[in-house]
Protein backbone atom coordinates (compact mmCIF):
# COMPACT_ATOMS: atom_id res chain seq x y z
CA MET A 1 -98.20 12.91 138.42
CA SER A 2 -95.69 14.71 140.10
CA LEU A 3 -97.13 17.91 141.93
CA HIS A 4 -93.49 18.78 142.76
CA ALA A 5 -90.14 17.78 142.22
CA SER A 6 -87.08 18.86 143.56
CA PRO A 7 -83.98 17.40 143.24
CA ASP A 8 -84.21 15.40 146.19
CA THR A 9 -88.28 14.94 147.01
CA GLN A 10 -91.40 14.48 145.20
CA ILE A 11 -94.94 15.26 146.70
CA ARG A 12 -97.58 13.53 144.62
CA PRO A 13 -101.42 12.51 145.43
CA TYR A 14 -101.64 9.74 147.76
CA SER A 15 -103.12 6.53 146.62
CA ALA A 16 -104.63 2.98 148.26
CA ALA A 17 -100.83 1.59 147.89
CA ASP A 18 -99.44 3.97 149.94
CA GLN A 19 -101.33 3.06 152.94
CA LYS A 20 -98.57 0.66 154.29
CA ALA A 21 -95.65 2.86 154.17
CA CYS A 22 -98.34 6.19 155.95
CA LEU A 23 -99.21 3.47 158.41
CA GLU A 24 -95.49 2.66 158.66
CA ILE A 25 -94.88 6.42 159.26
CA PHE A 26 -97.52 6.68 161.60
CA ARG A 27 -95.63 3.92 163.80
CA SER A 28 -92.73 5.81 163.68
CA ASN A 29 -94.03 8.51 165.47
CA LEU A 30 -95.01 6.41 168.44
CA PRO A 31 -95.97 7.05 171.41
CA ARG A 32 -94.53 10.48 171.35
CA TYR A 33 -96.09 12.45 168.44
CA PHE A 34 -99.65 10.17 168.24
CA ASP A 35 -101.26 8.23 170.80
CA PRO A 36 -101.48 4.54 169.74
CA SER A 37 -104.86 4.98 170.14
CA GLU A 38 -105.00 6.93 167.04
CA LEU A 39 -103.89 4.68 164.51
CA PRO A 40 -107.33 3.34 164.24
CA GLU A 41 -108.45 6.30 163.18
CA PHE A 42 -105.94 7.40 160.90
CA GLU A 43 -106.40 3.82 159.48
CA ALA A 44 -109.73 4.87 158.49
CA PHE A 45 -109.08 7.81 157.06
CA LEU A 46 -106.81 6.54 154.73
CA GLU A 47 -109.15 3.88 153.25
CA LYS A 48 -111.10 7.24 152.53
CA PRO A 49 -109.20 10.43 152.44
CA SER A 50 -111.06 13.79 152.50
CA GLY A 51 -109.94 16.84 150.92
CA GLU A 52 -106.14 16.27 149.62
CA TYR A 53 -104.10 14.14 150.74
CA VAL A 54 -100.69 13.60 149.51
CA VAL A 55 -97.68 11.61 150.30
CA MET A 56 -93.55 12.53 149.79
CA ALA A 57 -91.29 10.10 148.75
CA LEU A 58 -87.05 10.46 148.91
CA GLY A 59 -85.82 8.66 146.26
CA ALA A 60 -88.19 5.55 145.71
CA GLN A 61 -88.62 5.52 150.00
CA LEU A 62 -92.29 7.37 151.21
CA VAL A 63 -91.11 9.65 153.93
CA ALA A 64 -93.94 12.03 154.69
CA CYS A 65 -97.19 12.31 154.07
CA GLY A 66 -100.66 15.27 154.38
CA GLY A 67 -103.24 16.74 153.76
CA CYS A 68 -105.50 19.84 153.61
CA TYR A 69 -109.24 20.66 153.09
CA VAL A 70 -111.86 23.38 153.97
CA ARG A 71 -114.49 23.69 156.32
CA GLU A 72 -116.73 26.60 157.30
CA GLY A 73 -114.37 28.74 154.88
CA VAL A 74 -111.33 27.93 156.96
CA GLY A 75 -108.21 26.41 155.95
CA ARG A 76 -107.45 23.03 157.50
CA LEU A 77 -104.36 21.01 157.93
CA SER A 78 -104.77 16.97 158.46
CA TRP A 79 -102.40 14.01 159.05
CA GLY A 80 -99.29 15.85 159.02
CA MET A 81 -96.17 13.53 159.32
CA VAL A 82 -92.58 13.09 158.45
CA ALA A 83 -90.51 9.20 159.48
CA ARG A 84 -89.10 9.78 162.68
CA GLU A 85 -85.72 9.13 160.88
CA HIS A 86 -86.12 12.02 158.67
CA HIS A 87 -87.08 14.60 161.85
CA GLY A 88 -84.91 17.80 161.43
CA SER A 89 -84.30 17.31 157.80
CA ALA A 90 -86.69 20.10 156.34
CA LEU A 91 -88.96 17.75 154.92
CA GLY A 92 -91.86 18.99 157.17
CA THR A 93 -91.23 22.52 156.48
CA GLN A 94 -91.42 21.68 152.44
CA LEU A 95 -94.64 19.32 152.91
CA LEU A 96 -96.11 22.55 155.30
CA VAL A 97 -95.15 24.98 152.85
CA TRP A 98 -96.60 23.16 149.62
CA ARG A 99 -99.96 22.63 151.88
CA ILE A 100 -100.21 26.21 153.09
CA ASP A 101 -99.60 27.45 149.54
CA ARG A 102 -102.30 24.91 148.30
CA LEU A 103 -105.16 26.33 150.80
CA PHE A 104 -103.93 30.09 150.23
CA LEU A 105 -104.38 29.72 146.12
CA ARG A 106 -107.74 29.87 147.26
CA ALA A 107 -108.81 33.83 147.49
CA GLU A 108 -111.71 32.91 149.72
CA ILE A 109 -109.42 31.28 152.59
CA SER A 110 -107.79 34.00 155.32
CA GLU A 111 -107.06 31.66 157.70
CA ILE A 112 -105.79 28.11 158.25
CA ALA A 113 -106.38 26.14 161.36
CA ILE A 114 -104.46 22.75 162.75
CA ASP A 115 -105.31 20.67 165.97
CA THR A 116 -101.37 19.84 166.63
CA SER A 117 -99.71 18.76 170.07
CA GLN A 118 -97.91 20.36 172.24
CA HIS A 119 -94.23 18.70 171.16
CA THR A 120 -94.91 19.71 167.33
CA ALA A 121 -96.82 23.10 168.36
CA GLY A 122 -93.21 25.00 168.19
CA PHE A 123 -92.63 23.67 164.55
CA PHE A 124 -95.78 25.64 163.60
CA ALA A 125 -95.45 29.04 165.78
CA ARG A 126 -92.24 28.64 163.61
CA HIS A 127 -93.87 29.53 160.11
CA GLY A 128 -96.34 31.59 161.65
CA PHE A 129 -99.09 29.87 163.81
CA CYS A 130 -100.33 31.17 166.92
CA THR A 131 -102.17 28.90 169.60
CA THR A 132 -105.71 29.37 170.13
CA ALA A 133 -106.52 26.91 172.70
CA HIS A 134 -104.40 23.61 174.62
CA VAL A 135 -105.85 20.89 176.24
CA ILE A 136 -104.28 19.18 178.41
CA ASP A 137 -104.16 15.55 177.61
CA GLY A 138 -106.59 16.31 174.38
CA PHE A 139 -105.38 13.18 172.14
CA GLY A 140 -103.96 11.21 175.09
CA ALA A 141 -102.58 10.80 177.91
CA GLY A 142 -99.33 13.07 177.89
CA ILE A 143 -100.40 14.63 174.31
CA ASP A 144 -102.16 17.87 174.82
CA GLN A 145 -104.11 19.26 172.02
CA VAL A 146 -103.00 22.73 171.03
CA SER A 147 -105.24 24.20 168.19
CA MET A 148 -103.35 26.89 165.97
CA SER A 149 -104.41 29.60 163.42
CA LEU A 150 -101.89 31.25 160.49
CA GLN A 151 -103.76 33.96 159.20
CA ARG A 152 -103.47 34.85 155.49
CA SER A 153 -101.84 38.12 155.52
CA ALA A 154 -99.41 37.39 158.05
CA TYR A 155 -97.95 34.19 156.10
CA GLU A 156 -97.93 36.96 153.00
CA SER A 157 -96.12 39.76 155.03
CA ALA A 158 -93.84 36.72 156.17
CA ARG A 159 -92.78 35.90 152.66
CA ALA A 160 -92.98 38.87 151.17
CA SER A 161 -89.52 39.55 153.55
CA ALA A 162 -87.84 36.18 153.19
CA SER A 163 -85.47 35.50 150.05
CA PRO A 164 -86.67 34.64 146.78
CA ALA A 165 -85.37 31.13 147.37
CA ALA A 166 -86.97 30.62 150.82
CA THR A 167 -90.52 30.88 148.96
CA SER A 168 -92.14 28.03 147.41
CA ALA A 169 -93.71 27.87 144.27
CA ALA A 170 -94.72 24.15 144.73
CA ALA A 171 -98.51 24.53 145.00
CA THR A 172 -98.80 26.33 141.46
CA GLN A 173 -96.37 23.79 139.67
CA GLY A 174 -99.51 21.46 138.75
CA GLY A 175 -101.52 19.60 140.98
CA PHE A 176 -105.09 18.73 141.45
CA GLY A 177 -107.86 20.60 143.11
CA VAL A 178 -108.42 21.47 146.75
């Protein structure tokens, strides 16, 4: 089942058959974006993903993965990553917007939060996320934990002022529950 298709990419639900490719995507981002000590945690997550976890394919190749879920009334983003060789290609933006849209489909969600690193905080800031906390070496040596959040009102205002081509209908094209 395809949740989103563009001429080049497809976002679909994660399956156990995707585990090896997702682990390769993770490894491609070591050691700058993830601490090697996080690999067992990610492996355990892939054995039993919580919330909604998806993969992005470019043709037949899996190039990104990421998830979202709700905890205590707040939307959360989990384990989002793009294969290192595809950084800067806008695939991360496409996956992020898909996940934001999925969470904000739920009327009761007014905020989305993420814990990320100092290396990717700028990416999230460009999409309206604001830093709420910063812990030096929070994920490992040289990888800070940066907590960030996005308010629905800020996101909707930004989308309303964006061109129609810049907005995504990805979350409403088929799908499965958050």
